[in-house]
Full PDB file with SEQRES, HELIX, SHEET, SSBOND, CRYST1, ORIGX, SCALE, CONECT and MASTER records, all heavy atoms in Angstrom:
SEQRES   1 A   43  LEU TYR ILE ILE ASP PRO ARG GLY ILE LEU ASP ALA PHE          
SEQRES   2 A   43  GLY ILE ASP ASP ILE ALA VAL THR GLU THR ASP GLY GLN          
SEQRES   3 A   43  PHE THR LEU THR ARG ASN ASP ASP SER VAL ASN VAL SER          
SEQRES   4 A   43  ARG GLN GLU LEU                                              
HELIX    1 AA1 PRO A    6  ALA A   12  1                                   7    
SHEET    1 AA1 3 ALA A  19  THR A  23  0                                        
SHEET    2 AA1 3 GLN A  26  ARG A  31 -1                                        
SHEET    3 AA1 3 ASP A  34  SER A  39 -1                                        
CRYST1    1.000    1.000    1.000  90.00  90.00  90.00 P 1           1          
ORIGX1      1.000000  0.000000  0.000000        0.00000                         
ORIGX2      0.000000  1.000000  0.000000        0.00000                         
ORIGX3      0.000000  0.000000  1.000000        0.00000                         
SCALE1      1.000000  0.000000  0.000000        0.00000                         
SCALE2      0.000000  1.000000  0.000000        0.00000                         
SCALE3      0.000000  0.000000  1.000000        0.00000                         
ATOM      1  N   LEU A   1     -47.105  48.255 -39.524  1.00  0.00           N  
ATOM      2  CA  LEU A   1     -45.754  48.605 -39.094  1.00  0.00           C  
ATOM      3  C   LEU A   1     -44.937  49.051 -40.289  1.00  0.00           C  
ATOM      4  O   LEU A   1     -45.173  48.620 -41.432  1.00  0.00           O  
ATOM      5  CB  LEU A   1     -45.058  47.415 -38.427  1.00  0.00           C  
ATOM      6  CG  LEU A   1     -45.637  46.879 -37.115  1.00  0.00           C  
ATOM      7  CD1 LEU A   1     -44.754  45.745 -36.576  1.00  0.00           C  
ATOM      8  CD2 LEU A   1     -45.778  47.975 -36.071  1.00  0.00           C  
ATOM      9  N   TYR A   2     -43.966  49.913 -40.009  1.00  0.00           N  
ATOM     10  CA  TYR A   2     -42.981  50.352 -41.002  1.00  0.00           C  
ATOM     11  C   TYR A   2     -41.611  49.988 -40.450  1.00  0.00           C  
ATOM     12  O   TYR A   2     -41.219  50.457 -39.372  1.00  0.00           O  
ATOM     13  CB  TYR A   2     -43.091  51.867 -41.215  1.00  0.00           C  
ATOM     14  CG  TYR A   2     -42.063  52.444 -42.159  1.00  0.00           C  
ATOM     15  CD1 TYR A   2     -42.222  52.349 -43.532  1.00  0.00           C  
ATOM     16  CD2 TYR A   2     -40.937  53.099 -41.664  1.00  0.00           C  
ATOM     17  CE1 TYR A   2     -41.288  52.883 -44.409  1.00  0.00           C  
ATOM     18  CE2 TYR A   2     -39.992  53.636 -42.527  1.00  0.00           C  
ATOM     19  CZ  TYR A   2     -40.176  53.530 -43.900  1.00  0.00           C  
ATOM     20  OH  TYR A   2     -39.239  54.052 -44.756  1.00  0.00           O  
ATOM     21  N   ILE A   3     -40.890  49.146 -41.155  1.00  0.00           N  
ATOM     22  CA  ILE A   3     -39.600  48.660 -40.677  1.00  0.00           C  
ATOM     23  C   ILE A   3     -38.521  49.689 -40.997  1.00  0.00           C  
ATOM     24  O   ILE A   3     -38.298  50.040 -42.153  1.00  0.00           O  
ATOM     25  CB  ILE A   3     -39.241  47.304 -41.322  1.00  0.00           C  
ATOM     26  CG1 ILE A   3     -40.350  46.279 -41.041  1.00  0.00           C  
ATOM     27  CG2 ILE A   3     -37.901  46.808 -40.784  1.00  0.00           C  
ATOM     28  CD1 ILE A   3     -40.624  46.029 -39.576  1.00  0.00           C  
ATOM     29  N   ILE A   4     -37.865  50.178 -39.950  1.00  0.00           N  
ATOM     30  CA  ILE A   4     -36.785  51.160 -40.100  1.00  0.00           C  
ATOM     31  C   ILE A   4     -35.425  50.497 -39.971  1.00  0.00           C  
ATOM     32  O   ILE A   4     -34.548  50.681 -40.812  1.00  0.00           O  
ATOM     33  CB  ILE A   4     -36.930  52.281 -39.056  1.00  0.00           C  
ATOM     34  CG1 ILE A   4     -38.248  53.042 -39.268  1.00  0.00           C  
ATOM     35  CG2 ILE A   4     -35.735  53.241 -39.129  1.00  0.00           C  
ATOM     36  CD1 ILE A   4     -38.561  54.042 -38.167  1.00  0.00           C  
ATOM     37  N   ASP A   5     -35.246  49.708 -38.930  1.00  0.00           N  
ATOM     38  CA  ASP A   5     -33.932  49.121 -38.624  1.00  0.00           C  
ATOM     39  C   ASP A   5     -34.092  47.623 -38.341  1.00  0.00           C  
ATOM     40  O   ASP A   5     -34.196  47.215 -37.173  1.00  0.00           O  
ATOM     41  CB  ASP A   5     -33.320  49.832 -37.418  1.00  0.00           C  
ATOM     42  CG  ASP A   5     -31.931  49.316 -37.060  1.00  0.00           C  
ATOM     43  OD1 ASP A   5     -31.438  48.388 -37.739  1.00  0.00           O  
ATOM     44  OD2 ASP A   5     -31.348  49.836 -36.086  1.00  0.00           O  
ATOM     45  N   PRO A   6     -34.110  46.785 -39.379  1.00  0.00           N  
ATOM     46  CA  PRO A   6     -34.297  45.345 -39.145  1.00  0.00           C  
ATOM     47  C   PRO A   6     -33.176  44.725 -38.318  1.00  0.00           C  
ATOM     48  O   PRO A   6     -33.422  43.801 -37.536  1.00  0.00           O  
ATOM     49  CB  PRO A   6     -34.363  44.760 -40.554  1.00  0.00           C  
ATOM     50  CG  PRO A   6     -33.715  45.782 -41.438  1.00  0.00           C  
ATOM     51  CD  PRO A   6     -34.016  47.094 -40.826  1.00  0.00           C  
ATOM     52  N   ARG A   7     -31.945  45.225 -38.484  1.00  0.00           N  
ATOM     53  CA  ARG A   7     -30.843  44.701 -37.683  1.00  0.00           C  
ATOM     54  C   ARG A   7     -31.095  44.960 -36.194  1.00  0.00           C  
ATOM     55  O   ARG A   7     -30.893  44.091 -35.353  1.00  0.00           O  
ATOM     56  CB  ARG A   7     -29.538  45.362 -38.116  1.00  0.00           C  
ATOM     57  CG  ARG A   7     -28.283  44.983 -37.331  1.00  0.00           C  
ATOM     58  CD  ARG A   7     -27.829  43.558 -37.609  1.00  0.00           C  
ATOM     59  NE  ARG A   7     -28.414  42.583 -36.698  1.00  0.00           N  
ATOM     60  CZ  ARG A   7     -28.608  41.312 -37.024  1.00  0.00           C  
ATOM     61  NH1 ARG A   7     -28.286  40.856 -38.221  1.00  0.00           N  
ATOM     62  NH2 ARG A   7     -29.150  40.477 -36.153  1.00  0.00           N  
ATOM     63  N   GLY A   8     -31.548  46.161 -35.883  1.00  0.00           N  
ATOM     64  CA  GLY A   8     -31.847  46.494 -34.501  1.00  0.00           C  
ATOM     65  C   GLY A   8     -32.981  45.661 -33.937  1.00  0.00           C  
ATOM     66  O   GLY A   8     -32.968  45.284 -32.756  1.00  0.00           O  
ATOM     67  N   ILE A   9     -33.995  45.369 -34.766  1.00  0.00           N  
ATOM     68  CA  ILE A   9     -35.118  44.541 -34.323  1.00  0.00           C  
ATOM     69  C   ILE A   9     -34.637  43.127 -34.000  1.00  0.00           C  
ATOM     70  O   ILE A   9     -34.962  42.569 -32.937  1.00  0.00           O  
ATOM     71  CB  ILE A   9     -36.218  44.513 -35.403  1.00  0.00           C  
ATOM     72  CG1 ILE A   9     -36.848  45.894 -35.545  1.00  0.00           C  
ATOM     73  CG2 ILE A   9     -37.280  43.458 -35.068  1.00  0.00           C  
ATOM     74  CD1 ILE A   9     -37.784  46.033 -36.732  1.00  0.00           C  
ATOM     75  N   LEU A  10     -33.852  42.538 -34.883  1.00  0.00           N  
ATOM     76  CA  LEU A  10     -33.345  41.185 -34.645  1.00  0.00           C  
ATOM     77  C   LEU A  10     -32.454  41.149 -33.404  1.00  0.00           C  
ATOM     78  O   LEU A  10     -32.529  40.217 -32.596  1.00  0.00           O  
ATOM     79  CB  LEU A  10     -32.585  40.697 -35.875  1.00  0.00           C  
ATOM     80  CG  LEU A  10     -33.428  40.449 -37.130  1.00  0.00           C  
ATOM     81  CD1 LEU A  10     -32.532  40.190 -38.331  1.00  0.00           C  
ATOM     82  CD2 LEU A  10     -34.389  39.280 -36.920  1.00  0.00           C  
ATOM     83  N   ASP A  11     -31.629  42.172 -33.236  1.00  0.00           N  
ATOM     84  CA  ASP A  11     -30.759  42.228 -32.048  1.00  0.00           C  
ATOM     85  C   ASP A  11     -31.584  42.312 -30.775  1.00  0.00           C  
ATOM     86  O   ASP A  11     -31.243  41.705 -29.748  1.00  0.00           O  
ATOM     87  CB  ASP A  11     -29.817  43.425 -32.136  1.00  0.00           C  
ATOM     88  CG  ASP A  11     -28.711  43.228 -33.173  1.00  0.00           C  
ATOM     89  OD1 ASP A  11     -28.497  42.080 -33.592  1.00  0.00           O  
ATOM     90  OD2 ASP A  11     -28.088  44.239 -33.558  1.00  0.00           O  
ATOM     91  N   ALA A  12     -32.681  43.074 -30.816  1.00  0.00           N  
ATOM     92  CA  ALA A  12     -33.524  43.220 -29.637  1.00  0.00           C  
ATOM     93  C   ALA A  12     -34.097  41.882 -29.192  1.00  0.00           C  
ATOM     94  O   ALA A  12     -34.290  41.640 -27.996  1.00  0.00           O  
ATOM     95  CB  ALA A  12     -34.655  44.210 -29.916  1.00  0.00           C  
ATOM     96  N   PHE A  13     -34.368  40.997 -30.149  1.00  0.00           N  
ATOM     97  CA  PHE A  13     -34.908  39.679 -29.837  1.00  0.00           C  
ATOM     98  C   PHE A  13     -33.806  38.628 -29.656  1.00  0.00           C  
ATOM     99  O   PHE A  13     -34.097  37.451 -29.497  1.00  0.00           O  
ATOM    100  CB  PHE A  13     -35.873  39.226 -30.928  1.00  0.00           C  
ATOM    101  CG  PHE A  13     -37.234  39.867 -30.853  1.00  0.00           C  
ATOM    102  CD1 PHE A  13     -37.511  41.022 -31.566  1.00  0.00           C  
ATOM    103  CD2 PHE A  13     -38.224  39.319 -30.052  1.00  0.00           C  
ATOM    104  CE1 PHE A  13     -38.766  41.620 -31.494  1.00  0.00           C  
ATOM    105  CE2 PHE A  13     -39.486  39.903 -29.973  1.00  0.00           C  
ATOM    106  CZ  PHE A  13     -39.760  41.063 -30.694  1.00  0.00           C  
ATOM    107  N   GLY A  14     -32.547  39.070 -29.693  1.00  0.00           N  
ATOM    108  CA  GLY A  14     -31.442  38.147 -29.485  1.00  0.00           C  
ATOM    109  C   GLY A  14     -31.169  37.231 -30.655  1.00  0.00           C  
ATOM    110  O   GLY A  14     -30.587  36.152 -30.477  1.00  0.00           O  
ATOM    111  N   ILE A  15     -31.548  37.644 -31.859  1.00  0.00           N  
ATOM    112  CA  ILE A  15     -31.317  36.835 -33.060  1.00  0.00           C  
ATOM    113  C   ILE A  15     -30.105  37.412 -33.781  1.00  0.00           C  
ATOM    114  O   ILE A  15     -30.195  38.446 -34.452  1.00  0.00           O  
ATOM    115  CB  ILE A  15     -32.550  36.838 -33.984  1.00  0.00           C  
ATOM    116  CG1 ILE A  15     -33.771  36.298 -33.232  1.00  0.00           C  
ATOM    117  CG2 ILE A  15     -32.286  36.016 -35.241  1.00  0.00           C  
ATOM    118  CD1 ILE A  15     -35.065  36.411 -33.995  1.00  0.00           C  
ATOM    119  N   ASP A  16     -28.948  36.766 -33.631  1.00  0.00           N  
ATOM    120  CA  ASP A  16     -27.717  37.325 -34.181  1.00  0.00           C  
ATOM    121  C   ASP A  16     -27.149  36.525 -35.339  1.00  0.00           C  
ATOM    122  O   ASP A  16     -26.069  36.865 -35.851  1.00  0.00           O  
ATOM    123  CB  ASP A  16     -26.661  37.450 -33.075  1.00  0.00           C  
ATOM    124  CG  ASP A  16     -26.377  36.120 -32.382  1.00  0.00           C  
ATOM    125  OD1 ASP A  16     -26.877  35.076 -32.847  1.00  0.00           O  
ATOM    126  OD2 ASP A  16     -25.665  36.144 -31.359  1.00  0.00           O  
ATOM    127  N   ASP A  17     -27.868  35.474 -35.774  1.00  0.00           N  
ATOM    128  CA  ASP A  17     -27.322  34.659 -36.863  1.00  0.00           C  
ATOM    129  C   ASP A  17     -27.989  34.948 -38.206  1.00  0.00           C  
ATOM    130  O   ASP A  17     -27.824  34.204 -39.161  1.00  0.00           O  
ATOM    131  CB  ASP A  17     -27.447  33.163 -36.534  1.00  0.00           C  
ATOM    132  CG  ASP A  17     -28.891  32.710 -36.347  1.00  0.00           C  
ATOM    133  OD1 ASP A  17     -29.775  33.583 -36.182  1.00  0.00           O  
ATOM    134  OD2 ASP A  17     -29.133  31.484 -36.367  1.00  0.00           O  
ATOM    135  N   ILE A  18     -28.764  36.045 -38.283  1.00  0.00           N  
ATOM    136  CA  ILE A  18     -29.359  36.487 -39.549  1.00  0.00           C  
ATOM    137  C   ILE A  18     -28.711  37.796 -39.946  1.00  0.00           C  
ATOM    138  O   ILE A  18     -28.752  38.780 -39.197  1.00  0.00           O  
ATOM    139  CB  ILE A  18     -30.883  36.662 -39.437  1.00  0.00           C  
ATOM    140  CG1 ILE A  18     -31.568  35.333 -39.100  1.00  0.00           C  
ATOM    141  CG2 ILE A  18     -31.455  37.241 -40.734  1.00  0.00           C  
ATOM    142  CD1 ILE A  18     -33.069  35.446 -38.904  1.00  0.00           C  
ATOM    143  N   ALA A  19     -28.079  37.806 -41.112  1.00  0.00           N  
ATOM    144  CA  ALA A  19     -27.462  39.027 -41.639  1.00  0.00           C  
ATOM    145  C   ALA A  19     -28.475  39.777 -42.498  1.00  0.00           C  
ATOM    146  O   ALA A  19     -29.289  39.162 -43.195  1.00  0.00           O  
ATOM    147  CB  ALA A  19     -26.225  38.670 -42.462  1.00  0.00           C  
ATOM    148  N   VAL A  20     -28.418  41.126 -42.452  1.00  0.00           N  
ATOM    149  CA  VAL A  20     -29.359  41.957 -43.204  1.00  0.00           C  
ATOM    150  C   VAL A  20     -28.591  43.025 -43.959  1.00  0.00           C  
ATOM    151  O   VAL A  20     -27.761  43.728 -43.380  1.00  0.00           O  
ATOM    152  CB  VAL A  20     -30.391  42.638 -42.283  1.00  0.00           C  
ATOM    153  CG1 VAL A  20     -31.408  43.419 -43.108  1.00  0.00           C  
ATOM    154  CG2 VAL A  20     -31.092  41.620 -41.400  1.00  0.00           C  
ATOM    155  N   THR A  21     -28.883  43.146 -45.253  1.00  0.00           N  
ATOM    156  CA  THR A  21     -28.338  44.247 -46.054  1.00  0.00           C  
ATOM    157  C   THR A  21     -29.477  44.889 -46.829  1.00  0.00           C  
ATOM    158  O   THR A  21     -30.481  44.238 -47.134  1.00  0.00           O  
ATOM    159  CB  THR A  21     -27.256  43.763 -47.031  1.00  0.00           C  
ATOM    160  OG1 THR A  21     -27.815  42.763 -47.902  1.00  0.00           O  
ATOM    161  CG2 THR A  21     -26.069  43.180 -46.284  1.00  0.00           C  
ATOM    162  N   GLU A  22     -29.320  46.173 -47.138  1.00  0.00           N  
ATOM    163  CA  GLU A  22     -30.347  46.906 -47.877  1.00  0.00           C  
ATOM    164  C   GLU A  22     -29.729  47.563 -49.095  1.00  0.00           C  
ATOM    165  O   GLU A  22     -28.654  48.180 -49.024  1.00  0.00           O  
ATOM    166  CB  GLU A  22     -30.995  47.988 -46.998  1.00  0.00           C  
ATOM    167  CG  GLU A  22     -32.040  48.810 -47.732  1.00  0.00           C  
ATOM    168  CD  GLU A  22     -32.618  49.943 -46.888  1.00  0.00           C  
ATOM    169  OE1 GLU A  22     -32.178  50.089 -45.724  1.00  0.00           O  
ATOM    170  OE2 GLU A  22     -33.476  50.688 -47.402  1.00  0.00           O  
ATOM    171  N   THR A  23     -30.394  47.446 -50.237  1.00  0.00           N  
ATOM    172  CA  THR A  23     -29.977  48.093 -51.476  1.00  0.00           C  
ATOM    173  C   THR A  23     -31.201  48.648 -52.167  1.00  0.00           C  
ATOM    174  O   THR A  23     -32.087  47.894 -52.597  1.00  0.00           O  
ATOM    175  CB  THR A  23     -29.259  47.103 -52.413  1.00  0.00           C  
ATOM    176  OG1 THR A  23     -28.158  46.502 -51.726  1.00  0.00           O  
ATOM    177  CG2 THR A  23     -28.746  47.817 -53.657  1.00  0.00           C  
ATOM    178  N   ASP A  24     -31.279  49.982 -52.255  1.00  0.00           N  
ATOM    179  CA  ASP A  24     -32.372  50.650 -52.965  1.00  0.00           C  
ATOM    180  C   ASP A  24     -33.744  50.184 -52.488  1.00  0.00           C  
ATOM    181  O   ASP A  24     -34.659  49.926 -53.285  1.00  0.00           O  
ATOM    182  CB  ASP A  24     -32.256  50.422 -54.475  1.00  0.00           C  
ATOM    183  CG  ASP A  24     -30.984  51.020 -55.061  1.00  0.00           C  
ATOM    184  OD1 ASP A  24     -30.527  52.050 -54.537  1.00  0.00           O  
ATOM    185  OD2 ASP A  24     -30.456  50.442 -56.026  1.00  0.00           O  
ATOM    186  N   GLY A  25     -33.919  50.081 -51.186  1.00  0.00           N  
ATOM    187  CA  GLY A  25     -35.214  49.719 -50.639  1.00  0.00           C  
ATOM    188  C   GLY A  25     -35.536  48.243 -50.643  1.00  0.00           C  
ATOM    189  O   GLY A  25     -36.621  47.840 -50.209  1.00  0.00           O  
ATOM    190  N   GLN A  26     -34.623  47.424 -51.123  1.00  0.00           N  
ATOM    191  CA  GLN A  26     -34.777  45.971 -51.093  1.00  0.00           C  
ATOM    192  C   GLN A  26     -33.840  45.403 -50.033  1.00  0.00           C  
ATOM    193  O   GLN A  26     -32.709  45.875 -49.872  1.00  0.00           O  
ATOM    194  CB  GLN A  26     -34.470  45.366 -52.464  1.00  0.00           C  
ATOM    195  CG  GLN A  26     -35.475  45.743 -53.554  1.00  0.00           C  
ATOM    196  CD  GLN A  26     -36.833  45.091 -53.330  1.00  0.00           C  
ATOM    197  OE1 GLN A  26     -36.912  43.886 -53.113  1.00  0.00           O  
ATOM    198  NE2 GLN A  26     -37.893  45.891 -53.412  1.00  0.00           N  
ATOM    199  N   PHE A  27     -34.306  44.389 -49.337  1.00  0.00           N  
ATOM    200  CA  PHE A  27     -33.560  43.830 -48.218  1.00  0.00           C  
ATOM    201  C   PHE A  27     -33.185  42.384 -48.519  1.00  0.00           C  
ATOM    202  O   PHE A  27     -34.006  41.609 -49.016  1.00  0.00           O  
ATOM    203  CB  PHE A  27     -34.389  43.894 -46.946  1.00  0.00           C  
ATOM    204  CG  PHE A  27     -34.716  45.292 -46.504  1.00  0.00           C  
ATOM    205  CD1 PHE A  27     -35.803  45.970 -47.046  1.00  0.00           C  
ATOM    206  CD2 PHE A  27     -33.931  45.931 -45.555  1.00  0.00           C  
ATOM    207  CE1 PHE A  27     -36.101  47.257 -46.643  1.00  0.00           C  
ATOM    208  CE2 PHE A  27     -34.222  47.220 -45.151  1.00  0.00           C  
ATOM    209  CZ  PHE A  27     -35.309  47.885 -45.699  1.00  0.00           C  
ATOM    210  N   THR A  28     -31.942  42.041 -48.202  1.00  0.00           N  
ATOM    211  CA  THR A  28     -31.463  40.667 -48.326  1.00  0.00           C  
ATOM    212  C   THR A  28     -31.156  40.134 -46.936  1.00  0.00           C  
ATOM    213  O   THR A  28     -30.377  40.738 -46.190  1.00  0.00           O  
ATOM    214  CB  THR A  28     -30.203  40.588 -49.200  1.00  0.00           C  
ATOM    215  OG1 THR A  28     -30.497  41.100 -50.501  1.00  0.00           O  
ATOM    216  CG2 THR A  28     -29.735  39.144 -49.326  1.00  0.00           C  
ATOM    217  N   LEU A  29     -31.799  39.025 -46.594  1.00  0.00           N  
ATOM    218  CA  LEU A  29     -31.570  38.370 -45.314  1.00  0.00           C  
ATOM    219  C   LEU A  29     -30.871  37.044 -45.580  1.00  0.00           C  
ATOM    220  O   LEU A  29     -31.294  36.273 -46.446  1.00  0.00           O  
ATOM    221  CB  LEU A  29     -32.885  38.120 -44.571  1.00  0.00           C  
ATOM    222  CG  LEU A  29     -33.499  39.318 -43.824  1.00  0.00           C  
ATOM    223  CD1 LEU A  29     -34.020  40.360 -44.801  1.00  0.00           C  
ATOM    224  CD2 LEU A  29     -34.613  38.860 -42.891  1.00  0.00           C  
ATOM    225  N   THR A  30     -29.812  36.793 -44.829  1.00  0.00           N  
ATOM    226  CA  THR A  30     -29.015  35.579 -45.030  1.00  0.00           C  
ATOM    227  C   THR A  30     -28.809  34.884 -43.698  1.00  0.00           C  
ATOM    228  O   THR A  30     -28.485  35.525 -42.686  1.00  0.00           O  
ATOM    229  CB  THR A  30     -27.645  35.918 -45.647  1.00  0.00           C  
ATOM    230  OG1 THR A  30     -27.846  36.641 -46.859  1.00  0.00           O  
ATOM    231  CG2 THR A  30     -26.855  34.649 -45.920  1.00  0.00           C  
ATOM    232  N   ARG A  31     -29.013  33.578 -43.733  1.00  0.00           N  
ATOM    233  CA  ARG A  31     -28.779  32.748 -42.550  1.00  0.00           C  
ATOM    234  C   ARG A  31     -28.160  31.438 -43.016  1.00  0.00           C  
ATOM    235  O   ARG A  31     -28.798  30.674 -43.732  1.00  0.00           O  
ATOM    236  CB  ARG A  31     -30.081  32.483 -41.808  1.00  0.00           C  
ATOM    237  CG  ARG A  31     -29.899  31.828 -40.438  1.00  0.00           C  
ATOM    238  CD  ARG A  31     -31.232  31.378 -39.913  1.00  0.00           C  
ATOM    239  NE  ARG A  31     -31.239  31.160 -38.476  1.00  0.00           N  
ATOM    240  CZ  ARG A  31     -32.154  30.435 -37.854  1.00  0.00           C  
ATOM    241  NH1 ARG A  31     -33.145  29.858 -38.551  1.00  0.00           N  
ATOM    242  NH2 ARG A  31     -32.106  30.275 -36.543  1.00  0.00           N  
ATOM    243  N   ASN A  32     -26.924  31.219 -42.635  1.00  0.00           N  
ATOM    244  CA  ASN A  32     -26.168  30.060 -43.120  1.00  0.00           C  
ATOM    245  C   ASN A  32     -26.168  30.075 -44.649  1.00  0.00           C  
ATOM    246  O   ASN A  32     -25.750  31.052 -45.248  1.00  0.00           O  
ATOM    247  CB  ASN A  32     -26.742  28.769 -42.544  1.00  0.00           C  
ATOM    248  CG  ASN A  32     -26.671  28.734 -41.026  1.00  0.00           C  
ATOM    249  OD1 ASN A  32     -25.710  29.239 -40.440  1.00  0.00           O  
ATOM    250  ND2 ASN A  32     -27.678  28.162 -40.392  1.00  0.00           N  
ATOM    251  N   ASP A  33     -26.696  29.052 -45.299  1.00  0.00           N  
ATOM    252  CA  ASP A  33     -26.698  28.997 -46.763  1.00  0.00           C  
ATOM    253  C   ASP A  33     -28.026  29.450 -47.356  1.00  0.00           C  
ATOM    254  O   ASP A  33     -28.227  29.388 -48.570  1.00  0.00           O  
ATOM    255  CB  ASP A  33     -26.408  27.557 -47.234  1.00  0.00           C  
ATOM    256  CG  ASP A  33     -25.017  27.091 -46.848  1.00  0.00           C  
ATOM    257  OD1 ASP A  33     -24.109  27.948 -46.793  1.00  0.00           O  
ATOM    258  OD2 ASP A  33     -24.843  25.883 -46.585  1.00  0.00           O  
ATOM    259  N   ASP A  34     -28.923  29.919 -46.514  1.00  0.00           N  
ATOM    260  CA  ASP A  34     -30.254  30.328 -46.977  1.00  0.00           C  
ATOM    261  C   ASP A  34     -30.301  31.845 -47.098  1.00  0.00           C  
ATOM    262  O   ASP A  34     -29.829  32.563 -46.206  1.00  0.00           O  
ATOM    263  CB  ASP A  34     -31.309  29.835 -45.990  1.00  0.00           C  
ATOM    264  CG  ASP A  34     -32.708  29.846 -46.586  1.00  0.00           C  
ATOM    265  OD1 ASP A  34     -32.842  30.140 -47.788  1.00  0.00           O  
ATOM    266  OD2 ASP A  34     -33.662  29.559 -45.833  1.00  0.00           O  
ATOM    267  N   SER A  35     -30.896  32.337 -48.184  1.00  0.00           N  
ATOM    268  CA  SER A  35     -30.959  33.774 -48.413  1.00  0.00           C  
ATOM    269  C   SER A  35     -32.272  34.126 -49.104  1.00  0.00           C  
ATOM    270  O   SER A  35     -32.764  33.370 -49.947  1.00  0.00           O  
ATOM    271  CB  SER A  35     -29.777  34.238 -49.278  1.00  0.00           C  
ATOM    272  OG  SER A  35     -29.804  35.635 -49.469  1.00  0.00           O  
ATOM    273  N   VAL A  36     -32.852  35.287 -48.719  1.00  0.00           N  
ATOM    274  CA  VAL A  36     -34.086  35.762 -49.350  1.00  0.00           C  
ATOM    275  C   VAL A  36     -33.960  37.246 -49.629  1.00  0.00           C  
ATOM    276  O   VAL A  36     -33.258  37.974 -48.927  1.00  0.00           O  
ATOM    277  CB  VAL A  36     -35.322  35.499 -48.461  1.00  0.00           C  
ATOM    278  CG1 VAL A  36     -35.570  34.008 -48.291  1.00  0.00           C  
ATOM    279  CG2 VAL A  36     -35.187  36.184 -47.103  1.00  0.00           C  
ATOM    280  N   ASN A  37     -34.653  37.713 -50.668  1.00  0.00           N  
ATOM    281  CA  ASN A  37     -34.715  39.124 -51.031  1.00  0.00           C  
ATOM    282  C   ASN A  37     -36.165  39.582 -50.920  1.00  0.00           C  
ATOM    283  O   ASN A  37     -37.068  38.964 -51.515  1.00  0.00           O  
ATOM    284  CB  ASN A  37     -34.210  39.347 -52.462  1.00  0.00           C  
ATOM    285  CG  ASN A  37     -32.759  38.965 -52.617  1.00  0.00           C  
ATOM    286  OD1 ASN A  37     -31.891  39.483 -51.918  1.00  0.00           O  
ATOM    287  ND2 ASN A  37     -32.482  38.038 -53.529  1.00  0.00           N  
ATOM    288  N   VAL A  38     -36.402  40.654 -50.179  1.00  0.00           N  
ATOM    289  CA  VAL A  38     -37.769  41.098 -49.925  1.00  0.00           C  
ATOM    290  C   VAL A  38     -37.857  42.617 -49.977  1.00  0.00           C  
ATOM    291  O   VAL A  38     -36.865  43.322 -49.775  1.00  0.00           O  
ATOM    292  CB  VAL A  38     -38.265  40.608 -48.544  1.00  0.00           C  
ATOM    293  CG1 VAL A  38     -38.420  39.095 -48.519  1.00  0.00           C  
ATOM    294  CG2 VAL A  38     -37.330  41.069 -47.426  1.00  0.00           C  
ATOM    295  N   SER A  39     -39.077  43.104 -50.232  1.00  0.00           N  
ATOM    296  CA  SER A  39     -39.349  44.532 -50.131  1.00  0.00           C  
ATOM    297  C   SER A  39     -39.527  44.908 -48.665  1.00  0.00           C  
ATOM    298  O   SER A  39     -39.568  44.047 -47.783  1.00  0.00           O  
ATOM    299  CB  SER A  39     -40.628  44.869 -50.907  1.00  0.00           C  
ATOM    300  OG  SER A  39     -41.745  44.242 -50.293  1.00  0.00           O  
ATOM    301  N   ARG A  40     -39.680  46.195 -48.390  1.00  0.00           N  
ATOM    302  CA  ARG A  40     -39.875  46.632 -47.016  1.00  0.00           C  
ATOM    303  C   ARG A  40     -41.186  46.067 -46.444  1.00  0.00           C  
ATOM    304  O   ARG A  40     -41.243  45.643 -45.283  1.00  0.00           O  
ATOM    305  CB  ARG A  40     -39.885  48.161 -46.932  1.00  0.00           C  
ATOM    306  CG  ARG A  40     -39.785  48.683 -45.489  1.00  0.00           C  
ATOM    307  CD  ARG A  40     -39.819  50.202 -45.459  1.00  0.00           C  
ATOM    308  NE  ARG A  40     -38.744  50.783 -46.224  1.00  0.00           N  
ATOM    309  CZ  ARG A  40     -37.519  51.029 -45.760  1.00  0.00           C  
ATOM    310  NH1 ARG A  40     -37.217  50.705 -44.515  1.00  0.00           N  
ATOM    311  NH2 ARG A  40     -36.610  51.586 -46.531  1.00  0.00           N  
ATOM    312  N   GLN A  41     -42.246  46.053 -47.257  1.00  0.00           N  
ATOM    313  CA  GLN A  41     -43.509  45.498 -46.788  1.00  0.00           C  
ATOM    314  C   GLN A  41     -43.392  43.997 -46.548  1.00  0.00           C  
ATOM    315  O   GLN A  41     -43.912  43.465 -45.551  1.00  0.00           O  
ATOM    316  CB  GLN A  41     -44.625  45.781 -47.806  1.00  0.00           C  
ATOM    317  CG  GLN A  41     -44.980  47.255 -47.959  1.00  0.00           C  
ATOM    318  CD  GLN A  41     -44.177  47.943 -49.051  1.00  0.00           C  
ATOM    319  OE1 GLN A  41     -43.040  47.563 -49.345  1.00  0.00           O  
ATOM    320  NE2 GLN A  41     -44.769  48.960 -49.673  1.00  0.00           N  
ATOM    321  N   GLU A  42     -42.726  43.277 -47.441  1.00  0.00           N  
ATOM    322  CA  GLU A  42     -42.529  41.840 -47.245  1.00  0.00           C  
ATOM    323  C   GLU A  42     -41.657  41.567 -46.024  1.00  0.00           C  
ATOM    324  O   GLU A  42     -41.861  40.568 -45.316  1.00  0.00           O  
ATOM    325  CB  GLU A  42     -41.908  41.222 -48.495  1.00  0.00           C  
ATOM    326  CG  GLU A  42     -42.839  41.185 -49.689  1.00  0.00           C  
ATOM    327  CD  GLU A  42     -42.123  40.798 -50.973  1.00  0.00           C  
ATOM    328  OE1 GLU A  42     -40.894  41.055 -51.076  1.00  0.00           O  
ATOM    329  OE2 GLU A  42     -42.788  40.251 -51.881  1.00  0.00           O  
ATOM    330  N   LEU A  43     -40.717  42.451 -45.761  1.00  0.00           N  
ATOM    331  CA  LEU A  43     -39.874  42.307 -44.577  1.00  0.00           C  
ATOM    332  C   LEU A  43     -40.710  42.407 -43.302  1.00  0.00           C  
ATOM    333  O   LEU A  43     -40.489  41.654 -42.338  1.00  0.00           O  
ATOM    334  CB  LEU A  43     -38.784  43.379 -44.579  1.00  0.00           C  
ATOM    335  CG  LEU A  43     -37.821  43.385 -43.392  1.00  0.00           C  
ATOM    336  CD1 LEU A  43     -37.066  42.063 -43.298  1.00  0.00           C  
ATOM    337  CD2 LEU A  43     -36.846  44.551 -43.505  1.00  0.00           C  
TER     338      LEU A  43                                                      
MASTER        0    0    0    1    3    0    0    6  337    1    0    4          
END                                                                             
């Protein structure tokens, strides 16, 4: 798979408490006080 729109994917599954931002091909996912930084493949 190639992830194009992670926000749209999470919304499709009804997951609205995970925030997603992208900077230069790296993605930051945040949920409450937990946060991770991943590449597109890791995402």
